[in-house]
């Protein structure tokens, strides 16, 4: 759906997935993954992502997920092998486990880059693949250097780290031959985390007061009920507080992504996201997991529908100039191993 806006044409992201369709994919994936002792999980991921990506569209064109499940399986086997070796070392030779952790650290930037490359190079829109190009030195600074500095700064650098990580992942990404821009500033992240911190302390103080008030009840039954109610209220209030933080960070990040005169805007709302997440949790628990597909589709529909693209009139021109780069990107897909670390 396109409409005129102040910055030109606006195009909304749309999600057409249905719970019944996704349930059939999900239940087959679960069954085959179990009977193959996890081997089918790579194919399950490809089937799942192809459906979810294919159900997400912009300007009438859907996204594509093009990954080879064999590459995913190879990456998972390597990861499982390393984890098995790490666990065995912890049981039989603890010093060796520490050595393995130290040996793994230099490989972290390479893993981050390869994982991001694998995800983006296997994502396409209008037959043009996305891409990611970054240096290991920069990835090491973001994923090793900053996490070391954060505790030393008493967590004061954490908002800056969140901004820097988002900038790294966005500004090194590309659509065809066009590189993305990241237009957020760290001050906005500091303000979001400042508000989150204030709410967090307020919830803790209120919860502590309710807890103490409950302990003052003379009747044992009333005391237990009051304390339980205080803990439950604090738990749900903390969930709402973290939902607020996640919404603020998501809106800041997704609203700062620009490409060739276009810019995405994200309008998630804390109340809506919190309700969907909480009701999804209860639905999944009460159904013993059978409503996982329904919950997945429900959350995906809300997140996707909260995105729009401003300046979408530039999209057709961009696609026309980039279409010749498809072949070169496709030839490189088989040259690297995708390690699935969920980035």
Protein backbone atom coordinates (compact mmCIF):
# COMPACT_ATOMS: atom_id res chain seq x y z
CA UNK A 1 0.00 0.00 0.00
CA UNK A 2 1.46 3.35 -1.08
CA UNK A 3 0.40 6.82 -0.04
CA UNK A 4 1.75 10.32 -0.42
CA UNK A 5 3.67 11.75 2.50
CA UNK A 6 5.72 14.81 3.32
CA UNK A 7 8.92 13.07 2.25
CA UNK A 8 7.35 11.66 -0.90
CA UNK A 9 5.67 8.33 -1.37
CA UNK A 10 5.25 6.17 1.70
CA UNK A 11 5.06 2.38 1.43
CA UNK A 12 4.00 0.22 4.34
CA UNK A 13 5.45 -3.20 5.03
CA UNK A 14 2.71 -5.81 5.03
CA UNK A 15 2.49 -9.32 6.44
CA UNK A 16 0.14 -11.89 4.88
CA UNK A 17 1.07 -15.00 6.88
CA UNK A 18 -1.70 -17.10 8.41
CA UNK A 19 -1.53 -19.20 11.55
CA UNK A 20 -3.16 -22.25 9.94
CA UNK A 21 -0.65 -22.27 7.07
CA UNK A 22 2.31 -21.76 9.37
CA UNK A 23 1.04 -24.46 11.76
CA UNK A 24 1.35 -27.08 9.00
CA UNK A 25 4.95 -26.04 8.35
CA UNK A 26 5.75 -25.88 12.07
CA UNK A 27 4.28 -29.27 13.03
CA UNK A 28 6.08 -31.06 10.18
CA UNK A 29 9.33 -29.31 11.13
CA UNK A 30 9.00 -30.38 14.76
CA UNK A 31 8.18 -33.98 13.85
CA UNK A 32 11.01 -34.40 11.33
CA UNK A 33 13.52 -32.65 13.59
CA UNK A 34 12.70 -35.07 16.42
CA UNK A 35 12.84 -38.27 14.38
CA UNK A 36 16.12 -37.20 12.70
CA UNK A 37 17.69 -36.27 16.06
CA UNK A 38 17.98 -32.62 15.06
CA UNK A 39 19.51 -33.08 11.61
CA UNK A 40 16.38 -31.80 9.88
CA UNK A 41 16.51 -28.57 11.92
CA UNK A 42 18.53 -26.90 9.15
CA UNK A 43 15.82 -27.67 6.59
CA UNK A 44 13.20 -26.65 9.16
CA UNK A 45 14.82 -23.24 9.50
CA UNK A 46 14.85 -22.73 5.73
CA UNK A 47 11.19 -23.75 5.40
CA UNK A 48 10.20 -21.49 8.30
CA UNK A 49 12.13 -18.48 7.03
CA UNK A 50 10.97 -18.91 3.46
CA UNK A 51 7.38 -18.75 4.65
CA UNK A 52 7.89 -15.78 7.00
CA UNK A 53 10.04 -13.84 4.52
CA UNK A 54 7.67 -14.66 1.66
CA UNK A 55 4.75 -13.39 3.75
CA UNK A 56 6.49 -10.03 4.25
CA UNK A 57 6.08 -7.57 1.40
CA UNK A 58 6.86 -3.97 0.51
CA UNK A 59 5.27 -2.17 -2.41
CA UNK A 60 3.60 -5.39 -3.54
CA UNK A 61 6.85 -7.39 -3.73
CA UNK A 62 7.72 -10.07 -1.19
CA UNK A 63 11.09 -10.83 0.38
CA UNK A 64 12.89 -14.10 -0.36
CA UNK A 65 15.03 -16.36 1.82
CA UNK A 66 17.53 -18.25 -0.34
CA UNK A 67 19.76 -20.11 2.12
CA UNK A 68 21.01 -23.62 1.46
CA UNK A 69 20.09 -25.90 4.38
CA UNK A 70 23.28 -27.92 3.83
CA UNK A 71 25.41 -24.85 4.65
CA UNK A 72 23.33 -24.27 7.80
CA UNK A 73 23.73 -27.92 8.80
CA UNK A 74 27.51 -27.75 8.37
CA UNK A 75 27.67 -24.66 10.53
CA UNK A 76 25.55 -26.26 13.23
CA UNK A 77 27.63 -29.43 13.24
CA UNK A 78 30.76 -27.36 13.77
CA UNK A 79 29.06 -25.40 16.55
CA UNK A 80 27.78 -28.58 18.22
CA UNK A 81 31.23 -30.16 17.95
CA UNK A 82 32.87 -27.17 19.60
CA UNK A 83 30.25 -27.05 22.38
CA UNK A 84 30.69 -30.79 23.01
CA UNK A 85 34.47 -30.36 23.22
CA UNK A 86 34.03 -27.34 25.52
CA UNK A 87 31.66 -29.23 27.83
CA UNK A 88 33.87 -32.31 27.91
CA UNK A 89 36.88 -30.16 28.74
CA UNK A 90 34.97 -28.61 31.64
CA UNK A 91 34.21 -32.06 33.01
CA UNK A 92 37.59 -33.74 32.52
CA UNK A 93 40.08 -30.84 32.28
CA UNK A 94 38.83 -27.45 33.53
CA UNK A 95 42.06 -25.62 32.58
CA UNK A 96 41.56 -26.79 28.99
CA UNK A 97 38.06 -25.29 29.02
CA UNK A 98 39.49 -21.89 29.94
CA UNK A 99 42.05 -22.24 27.16
CA UNK A 100 39.32 -23.07 24.64
CA UNK A 101 37.39 -19.95 25.69
CA UNK A 102 40.48 -17.82 25.13
CA UNK A 103 41.13 -19.46 21.76
CA UNK A 104 37.51 -18.86 20.75
CA UNK A 105 37.62 -15.11 21.47
CA UNK A 106 39.75 -14.11 18.45
CA UNK A 107 37.34 -15.99 16.18
CA UNK A 108 34.29 -14.05 17.45
CA UNK A 109 34.65 -11.14 14.96
CA UNK A 110 34.95 -13.62 12.10
CA UNK A 111 31.85 -15.48 13.30
CA UNK A 112 29.85 -12.25 13.59
CA UNK A 113 30.80 -11.14 10.08
CA UNK A 114 30.16 -14.54 8.52
CA UNK A 115 26.81 -14.91 10.26
CA UNK A 116 25.70 -11.45 9.14
CA UNK A 117 26.92 -12.12 5.60
CA UNK A 118 25.10 -15.43 5.49
CA UNK A 119 21.82 -13.91 6.65
CA UNK A 120 21.89 -10.91 4.33
CA UNK A 121 23.32 -12.59 1.25
CA UNK A 122 20.52 -15.12 1.49
CA UNK A 123 17.87 -12.43 1.76
CA UNK A 124 16.56 -10.89 -1.46
CA UNK A 125 13.99 -8.32 -2.50
CA UNK A 126 12.96 -7.96 -6.13
CA UNK A 127 15.68 -10.45 -7.09
CA UNK A 128 18.45 -8.34 -5.56
CA UNK A 129 20.35 -9.72 -2.60
CA UNK A 130 21.40 -7.85 0.50
CA UNK A 131 25.05 -7.95 1.56
CA UNK A 132 27.38 -7.18 4.44
CA UNK A 133 31.00 -6.01 4.28
CA UNK A 134 33.02 -5.25 7.40
CA UNK A 135 36.57 -5.60 8.65
CA UNK A 136 37.42 -8.02 11.43
CA UNK A 137 39.20 -5.23 13.32
CA UNK A 138 35.99 -3.18 13.47
CA UNK A 139 33.93 -6.22 14.50
CA UNK A 140 36.48 -6.98 17.24
CA UNK A 141 36.17 -3.44 18.60
CA UNK A 142 32.38 -3.68 18.69
CA UNK A 143 31.98 -7.22 20.04
CA UNK A 144 35.12 -7.57 22.20
CA UNK A 145 36.44 -4.11 23.02
CA UNK A 146 33.22 -2.39 24.03
CA UNK A 147 31.91 -5.30 26.17
CA UNK A 148 35.18 -5.11 28.13
CA UNK A 149 34.84 -1.36 28.66
CA UNK A 150 31.17 -1.45 29.74
CA UNK A 151 31.73 -3.00 33.22
CA UNK A 152 34.74 -0.71 33.77
CA UNK A 153 32.47 2.30 33.16
CA UNK A 154 29.87 1.06 35.68
CA UNK A 155 27.52 0.39 32.72
CA UNK A 156 27.54 4.07 31.69
CA UNK A 157 28.83 3.14 28.25
CA UNK A 158 26.11 0.56 27.60
CA UNK A 159 23.72 2.90 25.68
CA UNK A 160 26.64 4.02 23.52
CA UNK A 161 27.51 0.37 22.87
CA UNK A 162 23.93 -0.40 21.77
CA UNK A 163 24.11 2.55 19.37
CA UNK A 164 27.57 1.56 18.10
CA UNK A 165 26.51 -2.04 17.48
CA UNK A 166 23.42 -0.92 15.55
CA UNK A 167 25.53 1.50 13.54
CA UNK A 168 28.07 -1.22 12.72
CA UNK A 169 25.46 -3.75 11.60
CA UNK A 170 23.52 -1.19 9.53
CA UNK A 171 26.24 0.96 7.96
CA UNK A 172 28.14 -2.12 6.76
CA UNK A 173 25.04 -3.63 5.17
CA UNK A 174 24.04 -3.10 1.57
CA UNK A 175 21.21 -3.71 -0.88
CA UNK A 176 22.87 -4.74 -4.11
CA UNK A 177 25.68 -2.21 -4.48
CA UNK A 178 24.04 0.54 -2.40
CA UNK A 179 25.20 0.84 1.23
CA UNK A 180 22.78 1.67 4.03
CA UNK A 181 23.12 4.72 6.28
CA UNK A 182 22.46 4.87 10.01
CA UNK A 183 21.14 8.27 11.09
CA UNK A 184 20.56 7.82 14.83
CA UNK A 185 22.73 9.55 17.38
CA UNK A 186 23.93 8.09 20.72
CA UNK A 187 22.17 10.82 22.69
CA UNK A 188 18.77 9.39 21.76
CA UNK A 189 19.83 5.98 23.10
CA UNK A 190 21.06 7.55 26.34
CA UNK A 191 17.70 9.28 26.78
CA UNK A 192 15.83 6.02 26.18
CA UNK A 193 17.95 4.14 28.71
CA UNK A 194 17.67 7.02 31.19
CA UNK A 195 13.88 6.77 31.05
CA UNK A 196 14.08 2.99 31.30
CA UNK A 197 16.38 3.23 34.33
CA UNK A 198 14.03 5.65 36.08
CA UNK A 199 11.04 3.38 35.44
CA UNK A 200 13.02 0.34 36.57
CA UNK A 201 13.95 1.98 39.89
CA UNK A 202 10.39 3.18 40.38
CA UNK A 203 9.01 -0.33 39.85
CA UNK A 204 11.58 -1.83 42.22
CA UNK A 205 10.81 0.77 44.89
CA UNK A 206 7.06 0.29 44.54
CA UNK A 207 7.42 -3.50 44.56
CA UNK A 208 9.63 -3.40 47.65
CA UNK A 209 7.10 -1.17 49.43
CA UNK A 210 4.26 -3.55 48.58
CA UNK A 211 6.37 -6.51 49.72
CA UNK A 212 7.14 -4.88 53.08
CA UNK A 213 3.50 -3.88 53.46
CA UNK A 214 2.50 -7.48 52.86
CA UNK A 215 4.88 -8.69 55.55
CA UNK A 216 3.21 -6.41 58.09
CA UNK A 217 -0.10 -8.28 57.81
CA UNK A 218 -0.89 -10.00 61.10
CA UNK A 219 -2.90 -12.86 59.67
CA UNK A 220 -0.66 -15.52 58.07
CA UNK A 221 -3.05 -16.18 55.20
CA UNK A 222 -3.39 -12.49 54.40
CA UNK A 223 0.39 -12.09 54.67
CA UNK A 224 1.09 -14.87 52.18
CA UNK A 225 -1.54 -13.52 49.77
CA UNK A 226 -0.24 -9.95 50.07
CA UNK A 227 3.38 -10.97 49.52
CA UNK A 228 2.45 -13.15 46.55
CA UNK A 229 0.40 -10.32 45.05
CA UNK A 230 3.29 -7.89 45.53
CA UNK A 231 5.75 -10.24 43.83
CA UNK A 232 3.33 -10.94 40.97
CA UNK A 233 2.59 -7.25 40.43
CA UNK A 234 6.30 -6.42 40.47
CA UNK A 235 7.03 -9.18 37.97
CA UNK A 236 4.44 -7.96 35.46
CA UNK A 237 5.48 -4.34 35.99
CA UNK A 238 9.11 -5.26 35.27
CA UNK A 239 8.05 -7.06 32.10
CA UNK A 240 6.22 -3.91 31.02
CA UNK A 241 9.30 -1.82 31.82
CA UNK A 242 11.58 -4.01 29.72
CA UNK A 243 8.97 -3.97 26.93
CA UNK A 244 9.14 -0.18 27.04
CA UNK A 245 12.92 -0.30 26.68
CA UNK A 246 12.76 -2.78 23.79
CA UNK A 247 10.17 -0.68 21.97
CA UNK A 248 12.21 2.52 22.41
CA UNK A 249 15.40 0.90 21.13
CA UNK A 250 13.61 -0.80 18.22
CA UNK A 251 11.89 2.41 17.14
CA UNK A 252 15.15 4.36 17.37
CA UNK A 253 17.10 1.77 15.41
CA UNK A 254 14.63 0.95 12.66
CA UNK A 255 13.69 4.62 12.17
CA UNK A 256 17.33 5.52 11.50
CA UNK A 257 17.97 3.22 8.52
CA UNK A 258 18.29 5.09 5.22
CA UNK A 259 19.10 4.06 1.66
CA UNK A 260 19.32 6.22 -1.46
CA UNK A 261 16.94 8.94 -0.23
CA UNK A 262 14.61 6.48 1.50
CA UNK A 263 14.26 5.93 5.24
CA UNK A 264 12.37 3.40 7.33
CA UNK A 265 10.11 4.42 10.19
CA UNK A 266 9.10 2.14 13.07
CA UNK A 267 6.05 2.92 15.24
CA UNK A 268 5.86 0.09 17.77
CA UNK A 269 3.77 0.84 20.88
CA UNK A 270 4.68 -0.48 24.32
CA UNK A 271 1.12 -1.24 25.40
CA UNK A 272 0.32 -3.19 22.25
CA UNK A 273 3.59 -5.11 22.15
CA UNK A 274 3.35 -5.93 25.85
CA UNK A 275 -0.19 -7.24 25.49
CA UNK A 276 0.69 -9.37 22.48
CA UNK A 277 3.80 -10.82 24.14
CA UNK A 278 2.02 -11.51 27.44
CA UNK A 279 -1.10 -13.06 25.90
CA UNK A 280 1.10 -15.11 23.55
CA UNK A 281 2.99 -16.46 26.55
CA UNK A 282 -0.17 -17.56 28.34
CA UNK A 283 -1.64 -19.02 25.15
CA UNK A 284 1.49 -21.09 24.47
CA UNK A 285 1.68 -22.33 28.08
CA UNK A 286 -2.03 -23.24 28.29
CA UNK A 287 -1.90 -25.05 24.93
CA UNK A 288 1.27 -26.99 25.83
CA UNK A 289 3.06 -25.32 22.94
CA UNK A 290 0.52 -26.01 20.20
CA UNK A 291 -0.24 -22.30 19.79
CA UNK A 292 3.38 -21.38 19.06
CA UNK A 293 2.59 -20.89 15.33
CA UNK A 294 -0.36 -18.63 16.18
CA UNK A 295 1.80 -16.60 18.57
CA UNK A 296 4.61 -16.33 16.01
CA UNK A 297 2.32 -15.10 13.23
CA UNK A 298 0.55 -12.70 15.57
CA UNK A 299 3.80 -11.07 16.72
CA UNK A 300 5.28 -10.99 13.21
CA UNK A 301 2.17 -9.30 11.82
CA UNK A 302 2.33 -6.54 14.42
CA UNK A 303 6.07 -5.93 14.06
CA UNK A 304 5.96 -5.85 10.27
CA UNK A 305 2.86 -3.63 10.15
CA UNK A 306 4.67 -1.11 12.36
CA UNK A 307 7.24 -0.45 9.63
CA UNK A 308 6.95 1.93 6.71
CA UNK A 309 9.33 3.27 4.09
CA UNK A 310 9.43 7.02 3.43
CA UNK A 311 10.58 8.20 0.01
CA UNK A 312 9.55 4.92 -1.59
CA UNK A 313 9.32 6.63 -4.99
CA UNK A 314 13.10 6.07 -5.20
CA UNK A 315 12.73 2.30 -4.87
CA UNK A 316 11.98 1.54 -8.52
CA UNK A 317 14.92 3.60 -9.72
CA UNK A 318 17.22 1.87 -7.24
CA UNK A 319 16.09 -1.60 -8.32
CA UNK A 320 16.61 -0.71 -11.97
CA UNK A 321 20.22 0.39 -11.47
CA UNK A 322 21.18 -2.50 -9.19
CA UNK A 323 19.68 -5.46 -11.03
CA UNK A 324 22.89 -6.35 -12.89
CA UNK A 325 24.72 -7.11 -9.62
CA UNK A 326 22.64 -10.23 -8.88
CA UNK A 327 24.96 -12.73 -10.52
CA UNK A 328 28.15 -11.63 -8.78
CA UNK A 329 26.49 -11.78 -5.38
CA UNK A 330 25.06 -15.20 -6.09
CA UNK A 331 28.41 -16.70 -7.11
CA UNK A 332 29.91 -15.92 -3.70
CA UNK A 333 27.19 -17.64 -1.69
CA UNK A 334 28.84 -21.06 -1.90
CA UNK A 335 32.29 -19.78 -0.94
CA UNK A 336 31.71 -19.35 2.74
CA UNK A 337 30.24 -21.33 5.56
CA UNK A 338 27.25 -19.83 7.36
CA UNK A 339 27.46 -20.22 11.12
CA UNK A 340 24.02 -19.61 12.58
CA UNK A 341 24.47 -17.55 15.76
CA UNK A 342 21.17 -15.70 15.57
CA UNK A 343 22.38 -12.21 14.66
